[in-house]
Amino acid sequence: MNRRSFLQTAGAALMAKPSRRPNIVFILADQWRAQAFGYRGDTNAHTPTIDALAKESFEFTHAVSGFPVCSPYRGSLMTGQYAVRHGIVVNDVELRPNGATLGDTLRKAGYATGYIGKWHIYGSPGGKAERRLSYIPEASRFGFDYWKVCECTHAYNKSLYYTGNDPTQHYWEGYDAIDQTRDGCDFIRQHGAKSDPYFLALSLGPPHDPYGTAPEKYRAMFDSKEIKLRANVPAEKAEEAVKALRGYYAHMAALDDCVRQLREAVDQSGAADDTVFVFCSDHGDMLQSQGLHHKQHPWDESIRVPFLIRYPGVLGRKRRTSHTPIDAPDIMPTLLGLAGLKVPDSVQGTDYSPLLRGEKKDEAEPAALLNLPASFSVIRRAGIAEYRGLRTPRHTYVRSIQGPWLLYDNQTDPYQKRNLVNTNQALRSRMDRRLDAMLKKQGDDFLPGARYVERAKASHYQEVNSPIGESKSPWGDWASNLK
């Protein structure tokens, strides 16, 4: 953004004062990587609604999932903290906040709060995902009053949920994202005309695998479509990648329709100008890029995510972009900033609302912290240990617990095929110093992953019957939970 554009944008933004605190509709897709949209140049994707949304939104073009795993991301979303601080260092750990949460903060400010879909921060103390289908008590809902939630399921066509304080299992009709969207639209219509603002979080399971389970009409769109693979998918993995991607894009096409219905509900409510409408994802998926599957990895297919914000009354309806790599801990403070609310002292993330409003501009080379404190079994099998790193608009630098590991110039090497870690010592040293400074600021001492797991066991689950450290601990499978 040049100086003239910045000043024009800032002037317009300063004149656009909201008449009241905004409504917030927060749509969180699961495992939707940043590259997979028509407007991003992906010819495989059928995303006309989100493509149109991008044209009238503020987009963080380099948004990241610094810890690309479901539960840790959600812990950061709810607390504004990094995983080492909030304690969820692998999936299925219970969030026990050590500060204010997003839902509680908004509810105390007068918001009607609602949450629909996947939660995945109630945890499973036995380490075997045993509470994924369990009723979640009110104390573990962190400020959400309207409640139609399952801890975690990817059985999209037989998907259970609990509503309010009723411990009875209910089931969504058909493909859950469609029925959850319908319920979300009802919430918007019910609250849209009221004077008090609302916050609706809609956490959708797709496009997370299993990839062959979207409704038939969406799967049919990709059954015979030519699938173009990313340039970093090895030839020997091509067939496997194409098969998975057909289902991946089918889920996306279904969710694109869901976003259309939600946007229409907001527009028809008459409160579109006063509604912050967010579309984002918790992480991506490798899908055989670099020859790898699953998330957790620090390559762009795993860590880069979409992040669109439409707020017409304050931000206008013209597309604007920022290369600042917003991350999960930044979401809570940024939403609170847009709502004109004080950010709690417990929050570690950055409030980027001044950037959105045009009161500040991008730094020359902002950086997001990449971190995987505890190594998951699936990446250990690939020879990858726990890591820390940086993602700037141009560079990726990653240091594993064993030492410097990855260094890419993403401008000249967008598919990250040329590792410069042993050939560009000056750049590596500069990134190394910057990483050390960020880790110090966050209070992250970069210990071996087992130390963080033990901390979580001790601080979260002292009530587990088997004593910590017992050779046959109930935690044996805990760090292996991947979904």
Foldseek 3Di string as FASTA:
>chain_A
DDPVVLVVLLVQLVVLDDPAQFAEEAEAEAAAALCADVCNPFPQADQVLVNLLLQFWEWQSFAWALQLAPQQLLLLLFQLAHCLVQQCQFFFFAGDDPFATLQQQLVVVQAQEAEAEERRRRGDLLQPCVCQAFDDDPVRPRNHQFFWYTNDDPPQQFDWTDTGHDRDIDTFHGGNLQSRLVVVLVVCLVPLQDPGHYYYYYYYHPPDDPLQRAPPVLLVVQPPDDHDDDPQADPVCVVVLSVSVSSRSSRVNVVSVSVVSNLVSNVVSVRQLRYKYKYKYNWHFCSRRNHDTAASDPDSRTIHMIIIIRRCSNQNRGRHYANAHAYSSQNSLQSCVSSVHDDDPSNDHHHCVCCSNSVDHDDPWHKDKRWNLADAPRVVVVVAFTWIWIDTSFWTWIAHPVGTDFIDGCVVPVSRPDGCRPPCVVVNVVRVVVRVVVCVSSVNPSDGSVVSVLVSCVPRPCVPPDHPPPPPGSSPNNRNDRD
